């Protein structure tokens, strides 16, 4: 469901005088996969912090050791990240994420086997505005697209893709005559689970707080010629517009999202999924899709007022 456009000057308390800090405008949308009632993605915003989480779908017939599911996990994790950042606004995003993962362990209430390899997990993509700069964090395959003074770049954690490519090589070496497709799939899921949150594997938010310290992080300025002007936080169900369907490049994705809103970008993905049903992503025809789109106005630029609303 699309979230309303939110326009607010951001930063730490006490509030800075109007006009002295960049303005962060945020639009977001999250849509469950067609035919699915439960959305295992979540988008959120807490003051200067925005984020996208993408819960890992549990393949049919697999146990997780947990009475909760991915949707429960991502919603608890989002809330715990917001609380962690609010409690310690000067802390790094890594340490805030680690604190949130630890807090969600307690939320399980002792009912679950949190050491089970299939315990609920999620990608994490975060952006936090801090006056003169923004901090970001990317963990697993929810990329962040950045426009800094006309230069568009992508922050991506490619370790899951590398692990999956290695996994496909291993499965391809199995004798086709000896292993049916269902057994191959089960073996691949088992091996993938064994590689999560392991050295030489890939990292995701699950039950181990240490995973937070393996995230891709950075800082960008909000002033000067290389200042951040636009950013898109994406689940892979939205980034596939570029990575899978090639509808446009990353700069084009930002332009489409600016013009049509996050819901417009998701609509483009849904059309591509219908037009190309043969293109499966990890055994799925479609996926939950989530977008958070941020635009930054430098201090001193004309801003919307109550008398002259924009949007």
C-alpha atoms as a PDB file:
ATOM      1  CA  UNK A   1       0.000   0.000   0.000  1.00  0.00           C
ATOM      2  CA  UNK A   2       1.341   3.453  -0.822  1.00  0.00           C
ATOM      3  CA  UNK A   3       2.279   5.749   2.031  1.00  0.00           C
ATOM      4  CA  UNK A   4       1.418   9.460   1.839  1.00  0.00           C
ATOM      5  CA  UNK A   5       4.067  11.948   0.801  1.00  0.00           C
ATOM      6  CA  UNK A   6       5.821  13.179   3.940  1.00  0.00           C
ATOM      7  CA  UNK A   7       7.713  16.471   3.906  1.00  0.00           C
ATOM      8  CA  UNK A   8       9.634  17.433   6.997  1.00  0.00           C
ATOM      9  CA  UNK A   9      12.911  19.036   8.058  1.00  0.00           C
ATOM     10  CA  UNK A  10      14.862  16.298   9.778  1.00  0.00           C
ATOM     11  CA  UNK A  11      17.649  15.983  12.295  1.00  0.00           C
ATOM     12  CA  UNK A  12      18.399  15.668  15.981  1.00  0.00           C
ATOM     13  CA  UNK A  13      16.635  17.552  18.757  1.00  0.00           C
ATOM     14  CA  UNK A  14      16.351  20.418  19.455  1.00  0.00           C
ATOM     15  CA  UNK A  15      15.026  21.198  15.959  1.00  0.00           C
ATOM     16  CA  UNK A  16      17.231  23.355  13.757  1.00  0.00           C
ATOM     17  CA  UNK A  17      15.852  26.653  12.483  1.00  0.00           C
ATOM     18  CA  UNK A  18      13.849  26.297   9.281  1.00  0.00           C
ATOM     19  CA  UNK A  19      16.006  26.883   6.230  1.00  0.00           C
ATOM     20  CA  UNK A  20      19.318  25.826   7.792  1.00  0.00           C
ATOM     21  CA  UNK A  21      19.167  22.111   6.972  1.00  0.00           C
ATOM     22  CA  UNK A  22      18.323  20.082   3.892  1.00  0.00           C
ATOM     23  CA  UNK A  23      14.702  19.017   3.542  1.00  0.00           C
ATOM     24  CA  UNK A  24      14.083  15.289   3.120  1.00  0.00           C
ATOM     25  CA  UNK A  25      10.925  14.390   1.216  1.00  0.00           C
ATOM     26  CA  UNK A  26       9.916  10.736   1.429  1.00  0.00           C
ATOM     27  CA  UNK A  27       7.450   8.653  -0.569  1.00  0.00           C
ATOM     28  CA  UNK A  28       7.019   4.914  -0.174  1.00  0.00           C
ATOM     29  CA  UNK A  29       4.997   1.961  -1.381  1.00  0.00           C
ATOM     30  CA  UNK A  30       4.938  -1.761  -0.644  1.00  0.00           C
ATOM     31  CA  UNK A  31       2.895  -4.332  -2.550  1.00  0.00           C
ATOM     32  CA  UNK A  32       2.532  -8.073  -1.858  1.00  0.00           C
ATOM     33  CA  UNK A  33       3.109 -10.452  -4.724  1.00  0.00           C
ATOM     34  CA  UNK A  34      -0.013 -10.925  -6.859  1.00  0.00           C
ATOM     35  CA  UNK A  35      -2.285 -13.533  -5.310  1.00  0.00           C
ATOM     36  CA  UNK A  36      -0.609 -13.340  -1.900  1.00  0.00           C
ATOM     37  CA  UNK A  37      -2.430 -12.018   1.162  1.00  0.00           C
ATOM     38  CA  UNK A  38       0.679 -11.536   3.297  1.00  0.00           C
ATOM     39  CA  UNK A  39       3.422  -9.031   2.483  1.00  0.00           C
ATOM     40  CA  UNK A  40       6.820 -10.200   3.764  1.00  0.00           C
ATOM     41  CA  UNK A  41       8.361  -6.793   2.970  1.00  0.00           C
ATOM     42  CA  UNK A  42       8.039  -3.712   5.134  1.00  0.00           C
ATOM     43  CA  UNK A  43       8.815  -0.043   4.512  1.00  0.00           C
ATOM     44  CA  UNK A  44       9.155   2.368   7.429  1.00  0.00           C
ATOM     45  CA  UNK A  45      10.200   5.831   8.515  1.00  0.00           C
ATOM     46  CA  UNK A  46      11.060   7.109  11.976  1.00  0.00           C
ATOM     47  CA  UNK A  47      12.015  10.803  11.844  1.00  0.00           C
ATOM     48  CA  UNK A  48      15.296  11.028   9.906  1.00  0.00           C
ATOM     49  CA  UNK A  49      15.494   7.237   9.393  1.00  0.00           C
ATOM     50  CA  UNK A  50      13.878   5.319   6.524  1.00  0.00           C
ATOM     51  CA  UNK A  51      14.200   1.665   5.627  1.00  0.00           C
ATOM     52  CA  UNK A  52      13.174  -1.336   3.548  1.00  0.00           C
ATOM     53  CA  UNK A  53      13.192  -4.888   4.891  1.00  0.00           C
ATOM     54  CA  UNK A  54      12.550  -7.978   2.761  1.00  0.00           C
ATOM     55  CA  UNK A  55      11.764 -11.146   4.696  1.00  0.00           C
ATOM     56  CA  UNK A  56      13.027 -14.440   3.308  1.00  0.00           C
ATOM     57  CA  UNK A  57      10.153 -16.592   2.064  1.00  0.00           C
ATOM     58  CA  UNK A  58      10.105 -20.090   3.556  1.00  0.00           C
ATOM     59  CA  UNK A  59       9.967 -22.741   0.795  1.00  0.00           C
ATOM     60  CA  UNK A  60       7.019 -25.085   1.055  1.00  0.00           C
ATOM     61  CA  UNK A  61       7.754 -28.139   3.162  1.00  0.00           C
ATOM     62  CA  UNK A  62      10.669 -26.623   5.087  1.00  0.00           C
ATOM     63  CA  UNK A  63      10.802 -26.142   8.848  1.00  0.00           C
ATOM     64  CA  UNK A  64      12.115 -22.971  10.508  1.00  0.00           C
ATOM     65  CA  UNK A  65      12.222 -23.941  14.169  1.00  0.00           C
ATOM     66  CA  UNK A  66      10.046 -20.876  14.802  1.00  0.00           C
ATOM     67  CA  UNK A  67       6.343 -20.333  15.482  1.00  0.00           C
ATOM     68  CA  UNK A  68       6.564 -16.943  13.756  1.00  0.00           C
ATOM     69  CA  UNK A  69       6.913 -16.185  10.069  1.00  0.00           C
ATOM     70  CA  UNK A  70       8.854 -13.716   7.896  1.00  0.00           C
ATOM     71  CA  UNK A  71       6.094 -11.067   8.048  1.00  0.00           C
ATOM     72  CA  UNK A  72       6.171 -11.124  11.859  1.00  0.00           C
ATOM     73  CA  UNK A  73       9.956 -10.916  11.825  1.00  0.00           C
ATOM     74  CA  UNK A  74      10.280  -7.903   9.498  1.00  0.00           C
ATOM     75  CA  UNK A  75       7.663  -5.901  11.407  1.00  0.00           C
ATOM     76  CA  UNK A  76       9.307  -6.558  14.743  1.00  0.00           C
ATOM     77  CA  UNK A  77      12.738  -5.822  13.314  1.00  0.00           C
ATOM     78  CA  UNK A  78      11.566  -2.513  11.783  1.00  0.00           C
ATOM     79  CA  UNK A  79      10.080  -1.405  15.102  1.00  0.00           C
ATOM     80  CA  UNK A  80      13.194  -2.445  17.012  1.00  0.00           C
ATOM     81  CA  UNK A  81      15.487  -0.577  14.576  1.00  0.00           C
ATOM     82  CA  UNK A  82      13.443   2.584  15.100  1.00  0.00           C
ATOM     83  CA  UNK A  83      13.626   2.232  18.867  1.00  0.00           C
ATOM     84  CA  UNK A  84      17.365   1.532  18.788  1.00  0.00           C
ATOM     85  CA  UNK A  85      18.083   4.628  16.673  1.00  0.00           C
ATOM     86  CA  UNK A  86      15.848   6.785  18.869  1.00  0.00           C
ATOM     87  CA  UNK A  87      17.520   5.540  22.050  1.00  0.00           C
ATOM     88  CA  UNK A  88      21.051   6.160  20.756  1.00  0.00           C
ATOM     89  CA  UNK A  89      20.893   8.689  17.895  1.00  0.00           C
ATOM     90  CA  UNK A  90      24.686   9.035  17.764  1.00  0.00           C
ATOM     91  CA  UNK A  91      25.279   5.280  17.383  1.00  0.00           C
ATOM     92  CA  UNK A  92      26.273   3.791  14.052  1.00  0.00           C
ATOM     93  CA  UNK A  93      23.617   2.090  11.968  1.00  0.00           C
ATOM     94  CA  UNK A  94      25.564  -1.139  12.404  1.00  0.00           C
ATOM     95  CA  UNK A  95      25.318  -1.027  16.190  1.00  0.00           C
ATOM     96  CA  UNK A  96      21.647   0.035  16.053  1.00  0.00           C
ATOM     97  CA  UNK A  97      20.855  -2.908  13.772  1.00  0.00           C
ATOM     98  CA  UNK A  98      22.755  -5.279  16.065  1.00  0.00           C
ATOM     99  CA  UNK A  99      20.765  -4.003  19.050  1.00  0.00           C
ATOM    100  CA  UNK A 100      17.526  -4.456  17.106  1.00  0.00           C
ATOM    101  CA  UNK A 101      18.355  -8.054  16.123  1.00  0.00           C
ATOM    102  CA  UNK A 102      19.159  -8.815  19.755  1.00  0.00           C
ATOM    103  CA  UNK A 103      15.867  -7.266  20.887  1.00  0.00           C
ATOM    104  CA  UNK A 104      13.879  -9.350  18.395  1.00  0.00           C
ATOM    105  CA  UNK A 105      15.506 -12.479  19.844  1.00  0.00           C
ATOM    106  CA  UNK A 106      13.739 -11.564  23.089  1.00  0.00           C
ATOM    107  CA  UNK A 107      10.493 -10.890  21.207  1.00  0.00           C
ATOM    108  CA  UNK A 108      10.386 -14.584  20.251  1.00  0.00           C
ATOM    109  CA  UNK A 109       9.582 -15.206  23.909  1.00  0.00           C
ATOM    110  CA  UNK A 110      11.588 -18.401  24.260  1.00  0.00           C
ATOM    111  CA  UNK A 111       9.165 -20.293  22.006  1.00  0.00           C
ATOM    112  CA  UNK A 112      11.553 -20.802  19.084  1.00  0.00           C
ATOM    113  CA  UNK A 113      14.817 -22.514  18.196  1.00  0.00           C
ATOM    114  CA  UNK A 114      16.791 -19.449  17.149  1.00  0.00           C
ATOM    115  CA  UNK A 115      19.808 -21.548  16.172  1.00  0.00           C
ATOM    116  CA  UNK A 116      17.771 -23.376  13.511  1.00  0.00           C
ATOM    117  CA  UNK A 117      19.279 -22.712  10.039  1.00  0.00           C
ATOM    118  CA  UNK A 118      15.846 -21.716   8.734  1.00  0.00           C
ATOM    119  CA  UNK A 119      15.066 -19.157  11.444  1.00  0.00           C
ATOM    120  CA  UNK A 120      13.245 -16.101   9.987  1.00  0.00           C
ATOM    121  CA  UNK A 121      15.589 -13.641   8.282  1.00  0.00           C
ATOM    122  CA  UNK A 122      15.515 -10.417   6.311  1.00  0.00           C
ATOM    123  CA  UNK A 123      17.490  -8.083   4.129  1.00  0.00           C
ATOM    124  CA  UNK A 124      18.056  -4.556   5.455  1.00  0.00           C
ATOM    125  CA  UNK A 125      18.388  -1.240   3.614  1.00  0.00           C
ATOM    126  CA  UNK A 126      18.596   1.909   5.777  1.00  0.00           C
ATOM    127  CA  UNK A 127      19.160   5.629   5.176  1.00  0.00           C
ATOM    128  CA  UNK A 128      19.482   8.205   7.960  1.00  0.00           C
ATOM    129  CA  UNK A 129      19.628  11.971   7.442  1.00  0.00           C
ATOM    130  CA  UNK A 130      21.851  13.870   9.833  1.00  0.00           C
ATOM    131  CA  UNK A 131      21.909  17.543   8.829  1.00  0.00           C
ATOM    132  CA  UNK A 132      25.043  17.820   6.729  1.00  0.00           C
ATOM    133  CA  UNK A 133      25.216  14.174   5.719  1.00  0.00           C
ATOM    134  CA  UNK A 134      23.395  10.881   5.390  1.00  0.00           C
ATOM    135  CA  UNK A 135      24.457   7.460   6.638  1.00  0.00           C
ATOM    136  CA  UNK A 136      23.395   4.271   4.882  1.00  0.00           C
ATOM    137  CA  UNK A 137      23.486   0.529   5.504  1.00  0.00           C
ATOM    138  CA  UNK A 138      22.811  -2.347   3.104  1.00  0.00           C
ATOM    139  CA  UNK A 139      22.671  -5.988   4.192  1.00  0.00           C
ATOM    140  CA  UNK A 140      21.857  -8.751   1.709  1.00  0.00           C
ATOM    141  CA  UNK A 141      20.052  -8.089  -1.578  1.00  0.00           C
ATOM    142  CA  UNK A 142      18.030  -4.895  -1.046  1.00  0.00           C
ATOM    143  CA  UNK A 143      20.029  -2.293  -3.004  1.00  0.00           C
ATOM    144  CA  UNK A 144      20.284   1.456  -2.509  1.00  0.00           C
ATOM    145  CA  UNK A 145      20.353   3.749  -5.572  1.00  0.00           C
ATOM    146  CA  UNK A 146      22.028   7.137  -5.093  1.00  0.00           C
ATOM    147  CA  UNK A 147      22.077  10.337  -7.161  1.00  0.00           C
ATOM    148  CA  UNK A 148      24.945  12.590  -6.074  1.00  0.00           C
ATOM    149  CA  UNK A 149      25.168  15.690  -8.208  1.00  0.00           C
ATOM    150  CA  UNK A 150      23.999  13.897 -11.332  1.00  0.00           C
ATOM    151  CA  UNK A 151      26.184  10.816 -10.766  1.00  0.00           C
ATOM    152  CA  UNK A 152      24.056   7.729 -10.174  1.00  0.00           C
ATOM    153  CA  UNK A 153      25.534   4.778  -8.296  1.00  0.00           C
ATOM    154  CA  UNK A 154      24.258   1.645  -6.578  1.00  0.00           C
ATOM    155  CA  UNK A 155      25.186   0.305  -3.160  1.00  0.00           C
ATOM    156  CA  UNK A 156      24.671  -3.454  -3.268  1.00  0.00           C
ATOM    157  CA  UNK A 157      25.648  -6.390  -1.094  1.00  0.00           C
ATOM    158  CA  UNK A 158      26.592  -8.973  -3.718  1.00  0.00           C
ATOM    159  CA  UNK A 159      27.464 -11.831  -1.390  1.00  0.00           C
ATOM    160  CA  UNK A 160      24.087 -13.562  -1.706  1.00  0.00           C
ATOM    161  CA  UNK A 161      24.333 -13.521  -5.510  1.00  0.00           C
ATOM    162  CA  UNK A 162      27.866 -14.931  -5.274  1.00  0.00           C
ATOM    163  CA  UNK A 163      26.708 -17.655  -2.890  1.00  0.00           C
ATOM    164  CA  UNK A 164      23.761 -18.520  -5.162  1.00  0.00           C
ATOM    165  CA  UNK A 165      26.012 -18.700  -8.228  1.00  0.00           C
ATOM    166  CA  UNK A 166      28.335 -21.068  -6.375  1.00  0.00           C
ATOM    167  CA  UNK A 167      25.335 -23.084  -5.244  1.00  0.00           C
ATOM    168  CA  UNK A 168      24.081 -23.414  -8.827  1.00  0.00           C
ATOM    169  CA  UNK A 169      27.493 -24.730  -9.869  1.00  0.00           C
ATOM    170  CA  UNK A 170      27.365 -27.354  -7.127  1.00  0.00           C
ATOM    171  CA  UNK A 171      23.845 -28.478  -8.032  1.00  0.00           C
ATOM    172  CA  UNK A 172      24.724 -28.556 -11.747  1.00  0.00           C
ATOM    173  CA  UNK A 173      27.424 -31.120 -10.996  1.00  0.00           C
ATOM    174  CA  UNK A 174      24.882 -33.576  -9.595  1.00  0.00           C
ATOM    175  CA  UNK A 175      24.015 -36.379 -12.054  1.00  0.00           C
ATOM    176  CA  UNK A 176      20.752 -35.414 -13.713  1.00  0.00           C
ATOM    177  CA  UNK A 177      19.713 -39.033 -14.034  1.00  0.00           C
ATOM    178  CA  UNK A 178      20.068 -39.645 -10.306  1.00  0.00           C
ATOM    179  CA  UNK A 179      18.361 -36.564  -8.860  1.00  0.00           C
ATOM    180  CA  UNK A 180      14.852 -35.335  -9.685  1.00  0.00           C
ATOM    181  CA  UNK A 181      14.122 -31.546  -9.761  1.00  0.00           C
ATOM    182  CA  UNK A 182      12.316 -31.563  -6.407  1.00  0.00           C
ATOM    183  CA  UNK A 183      15.292 -33.229  -4.700  1.00  0.00           C
ATOM    184  CA  UNK A 184      17.712 -30.803  -6.360  1.00  0.00           C
ATOM    185  CA  UNK A 185      15.681 -27.876  -5.068  1.00  0.00           C
ATOM    186  CA  UNK A 186      15.611 -29.261  -1.534  1.00  0.00           C
ATOM    187  CA  UNK A 187      19.350 -29.810  -1.599  1.00  0.00           C
ATOM    188  CA  UNK A 188      19.960 -26.279  -2.823  1.00  0.00           C
ATOM    189  CA  UNK A 189      17.812 -24.788  -0.039  1.00  0.00           C
ATOM    190  CA  UNK A 190      19.645 -26.844   2.573  1.00  0.00           C
ATOM    191  CA  UNK A 191      23.033 -25.681   1.302  1.00  0.00           C
ATOM    192  CA  UNK A 192      21.881 -22.054   1.073  1.00  0.00           C
ATOM    193  CA  UNK A 193      20.697 -22.123   4.683  1.00  0.00           C
ATOM    194  CA  UNK A 194      24.059 -23.507   5.755  1.00  0.00           C
ATOM    195  CA  UNK A 195      25.807 -20.541   4.123  1.00  0.00           C
ATOM    196  CA  UNK A 196      23.751 -17.787   5.737  1.00  0.00           C
ATOM    197  CA  UNK A 197      25.679 -15.717   8.274  1.00  0.00           C
ATOM    198  CA  UNK A 198      28.881 -17.640   7.660  1.00  0.00           C
ATOM    199  CA  UNK A 199      32.310 -16.528   6.449  1.00  0.00           C
ATOM    200  CA  UNK A 200      32.566 -17.102   2.681  1.00  0.00           C
ATOM    201  CA  UNK A 201      28.758 -17.209   2.583  1.00  0.00           C
ATOM    202  CA  UNK A 202      26.345 -14.312   2.853  1.00  0.00           C
ATOM    203  CA  UNK A 203      24.889 -12.232   5.671  1.00  0.00           C
ATOM    204  CA  UNK A 204      21.316 -11.298   6.578  1.00  0.00           C
ATOM    205  CA  UNK A 205      19.439 -10.090   9.636  1.00  0.00           C
ATOM    206  CA  UNK A 206      18.192 -13.170  11.504  1.00  0.00           C
ATOM    207  CA  UNK A 207      18.960 -14.126  15.106  1.00  0.00           C
ATOM    208  CA  UNK A 208      22.703 -13.354  15.255  1.00  0.00           C
ATOM    209  CA  UNK A 209      23.490  -9.679  16.038  1.00  0.00           C
ATOM    210  CA  UNK A 210      26.985 -10.120  14.579  1.00  0.00           C
ATOM    211  CA  UNK A 211      25.464 -10.075  11.085  1.00  0.00           C
ATOM    212  CA  UNK A 212      24.966  -6.301  11.425  1.00  0.00           C
ATOM    213  CA  UNK A 213      28.722  -5.763  11.464  1.00  0.00           C
ATOM    214  CA  UNK A 214      29.046  -7.388   8.044  1.00  0.00           C
ATOM    215  CA  UNK A 215      26.747  -4.854   6.360  1.00  0.00           C
ATOM    216  CA  UNK A 216      27.873  -2.454   3.626  1.00  0.00           C
ATOM    217  CA  UNK A 217      27.855   1.059   5.089  1.00  0.00           C
ATOM    218  CA  UNK A 218      28.850   4.586   4.144  1.00  0.00           C
ATOM    219  CA  UNK A 219      28.284   8.320   4.513  1.00  0.00           C
ATOM    220  CA  UNK A 220      27.461  10.961   1.899  1.00  0.00           C
ATOM    221  CA  UNK A 221      27.319  14.775   2.119  1.00  0.00           C
ATOM    222  CA  UNK A 222      24.127  16.775   1.777  1.00  0.00           C
ATOM    223  CA  UNK A 223      25.945  19.980   0.884  1.00  0.00           C
ATOM    224  CA  UNK A 224      28.330  20.879  -1.920  1.00  0.00           C
ATOM    225  CA  UNK A 225      28.693  19.745  -5.543  1.00  0.00           C
ATOM    226  CA  UNK A 226      28.705  16.021  -4.676  1.00  0.00           C
ATOM    227  CA  UNK A 227      25.718  16.232  -2.350  1.00  0.00           C
ATOM    228  CA  UNK A 228      23.079  13.529  -2.333  1.00  0.00           C
ATOM    229  CA  UNK A 229      19.955  14.677  -4.158  1.00  0.00           C
ATOM    230  CA  UNK A 230      17.882  11.495  -4.598  1.00  0.00           C
ATOM    231  CA  UNK A 231      17.905   7.977  -3.189  1.00  0.00           C
ATOM    232  CA  UNK A 232      15.813   4.848  -3.685  1.00  0.00           C
ATOM    233  CA  UNK A 233      15.744   1.974  -1.204  1.00  0.00           C
ATOM    234  CA  UNK A 234      14.487  -1.185  -2.917  1.00  0.00           C
ATOM    235  CA  UNK A 235      13.558  -4.761  -2.192  1.00  0.00           C
ATOM    236  CA  UNK A 236      14.620  -7.133  -4.956  1.00  0.00           C
ATOM    237  CA  UNK A 237      10.995  -7.340  -6.030  1.00  0.00           C
ATOM    238  CA  UNK A 238      11.389  -3.714  -7.186  1.00  0.00           C
ATOM    239  CA  UNK A 239      15.065  -3.644  -8.206  1.00  0.00           C
ATOM    240  CA  UNK A 240      14.276  -6.415 -10.709  1.00  0.00           C
ATOM    241  CA  UNK A 241      12.917  -3.625 -12.945  1.00  0.00           C
ATOM    242  CA  UNK A 242      16.604  -3.047 -13.804  1.00  0.00           C
ATOM    243  CA  UNK A 243      18.340  -6.269 -12.802  1.00  0.00           C
ATOM    244  CA  UNK A 244      15.894  -8.782 -14.261  1.00  0.00           C
ATOM    245  CA  UNK A 245      13.689  -7.064 -16.825  1.00  0.00           C
ATOM    246  CA  UNK A 246      16.034  -4.292 -18.022  1.00  0.00           C
ATOM    247  CA  UNK A 247      13.180  -1.785 -18.250  1.00  0.00           C
ATOM    248  CA  UNK A 248      15.676   1.072 -17.780  1.00  0.00           C
ATOM    249  CA  UNK A 249      19.026   1.747 -16.118  1.00  0.00           C
ATOM    250  CA  UNK A 250      19.436   2.929 -12.514  1.00  0.00           C
ATOM    251  CA  UNK A 251      19.212   6.586 -13.477  1.00  0.00           C
ATOM    252  CA  UNK A 252      16.025   5.795 -15.362  1.00  0.00           C
ATOM    253  CA  UNK A 253      14.640   4.025 -12.283  1.00  0.00           C
ATOM    254  CA  UNK A 254      15.140   7.208 -10.254  1.00  0.00           C
ATOM    255  CA  UNK A 255      13.512   9.321 -12.955  1.00  0.00           C
ATOM    256  CA  UNK A 256      10.502   7.010 -13.255  1.00  0.00           C
ATOM    257  CA  UNK A 257      10.064   6.900  -9.481  1.00  0.00           C
ATOM    258  CA  UNK A 258      10.316  10.695  -9.209  1.00  0.00           C
ATOM    259  CA  UNK A 259       7.691  11.156 -11.952  1.00  0.00           C
ATOM    260  CA  UNK A 260       5.285   8.293 -11.186  1.00  0.00           C
ATOM    261  CA  UNK A 261       5.958   7.657  -7.515  1.00  0.00           C
ATOM    262  CA  UNK A 262       7.039   4.371  -5.910  1.00  0.00           C
ATOM    263  CA  UNK A 263       3.676   2.849  -6.792  1.00  0.00           C
ATOM    264  CA  UNK A 264       4.329   3.691 -10.454  1.00  0.00           C
ATOM    265  CA  UNK A 265       7.637   1.833 -10.393  1.00  0.00           C
ATOM    266  CA  UNK A 266       5.970  -1.196  -8.812  1.00  0.00           C
ATOM    267  CA  UNK A 267       3.255  -1.022 -11.455  1.00  0.00           C
ATOM    268  CA  UNK A 268       5.899  -1.214 -14.163  1.00  0.00           C
ATOM    269  CA  UNK A 269       7.328  -4.346 -12.520  1.00  0.00           C
ATOM    270  CA  UNK A 270       3.911  -6.002 -12.317  1.00  0.00           C
ATOM    271  CA  UNK A 271       3.349  -5.354 -16.020  1.00  0.00           C
ATOM    272  CA  UNK A 272       6.752  -6.868 -16.867  1.00  0.00           C
ATOM    273  CA  UNK A 273       5.956  -9.932 -14.738  1.00  0.00           C
ATOM    274  CA  UNK A 274       2.708 -10.459 -16.647  1.00  0.00           C
ATOM    275  CA  UNK A 275       4.406  -9.945 -20.012  1.00  0.00           C
ATOM    276  CA  UNK A 276       7.311 -12.308 -19.210  1.00  0.00           C
ATOM    277  CA  UNK A 277       5.910 -15.129 -17.015  1.00  0.00           C
ATOM    278  CA  UNK A 278       8.824 -17.370 -18.007  1.00  0.00           C
ATOM    279  CA  UNK A 279      11.342 -15.221 -16.136  1.00  0.00           C
ATOM    280  CA  UNK A 280      11.561 -16.806 -12.712  1.00  0.00           C
ATOM    281  CA  UNK A 281      13.529 -15.230  -9.876  1.00  0.00           C
ATOM    282  CA  UNK A 282      14.582 -17.910  -7.398  1.00  0.00           C
ATOM    283  CA  UNK A 283      11.686 -20.153  -8.389  1.00  0.00           C
ATOM    284  CA  UNK A 284       9.140 -17.307  -8.091  1.00  0.00           C
ATOM    285  CA  UNK A 285       7.212 -15.621 -10.899  1.00  0.00           C
ATOM    286  CA  UNK A 286       6.636 -12.517  -8.794  1.00  0.00           C
ATOM    287  CA  UNK A 287       7.664 -11.184  -5.433  1.00  0.00           C
ATOM    288  CA  UNK A 288       6.676  -8.615  -2.852  1.00  0.00           C
ATOM    289  CA  UNK A 289       7.903  -5.218  -4.067  1.00  0.00           C
ATOM    290  CA  UNK A 290       8.864  -2.251  -1.901  1.00  0.00           C
ATOM    291  CA  UNK A 291      10.280   1.207  -2.598  1.00  0.00           C
ATOM    292  CA  UNK A 292      11.261   4.154  -0.413  1.00  0.00           C
ATOM    293  CA  UNK A 293      12.134   7.242  -2.476  1.00  0.00           C
ATOM    294  CA  UNK A 294      13.923  10.208  -0.882  1.00  0.00           C
ATOM    295  CA  UNK A 295      14.592  13.657  -2.344  1.00  0.00           C
ATOM    296  CA  UNK A 296      16.770  16.248  -0.654  1.00  0.00           C
ATOM    297  CA  UNK A 297      16.427  20.016  -1.094  1.00  0.00           C
ATOM    298  CA  UNK A 298      19.516  22.021  -0.104  1.00  0.00           C
ATOM    299  CA  UNK A 299      19.131  24.729   2.591  1.00  0.00           C
ATOM    300  CA  UNK A 300      17.775  27.990   1.251  1.00  0.00           C
ATOM    301  CA  UNK A 301      15.800  26.541  -1.668  1.00  0.00           C
ATOM    302  CA  UNK A 302      12.126  27.390  -1.994  1.00  0.00           C
ATOM    303  CA  UNK A 303      10.051  24.946  -0.012  1.00  0.00           C
ATOM    304  CA  UNK A 304       6.366  24.091   0.039  1.00  0.00           C
ATOM    305  CA  UNK A 305       4.266  26.081   2.483  1.00  0.00           C
ATOM    306  CA  UNK A 306       0.747  25.705   3.831  1.00  0.00           C
ATOM    307  CA  UNK A 307      -0.362  28.443   1.441  1.00  0.00           C
ATOM    308  CA  UNK A 308       1.175  26.773  -1.621  1.00  0.00           C
ATOM    309  CA  UNK A 309       1.208  22.976  -1.160  1.00  0.00           C
ATOM    310  CA  UNK A 310       3.181  20.776  -3.513  1.00  0.00           C
ATOM    311  CA  UNK A 311       2.203  17.257  -4.547  1.00  0.00           C
END
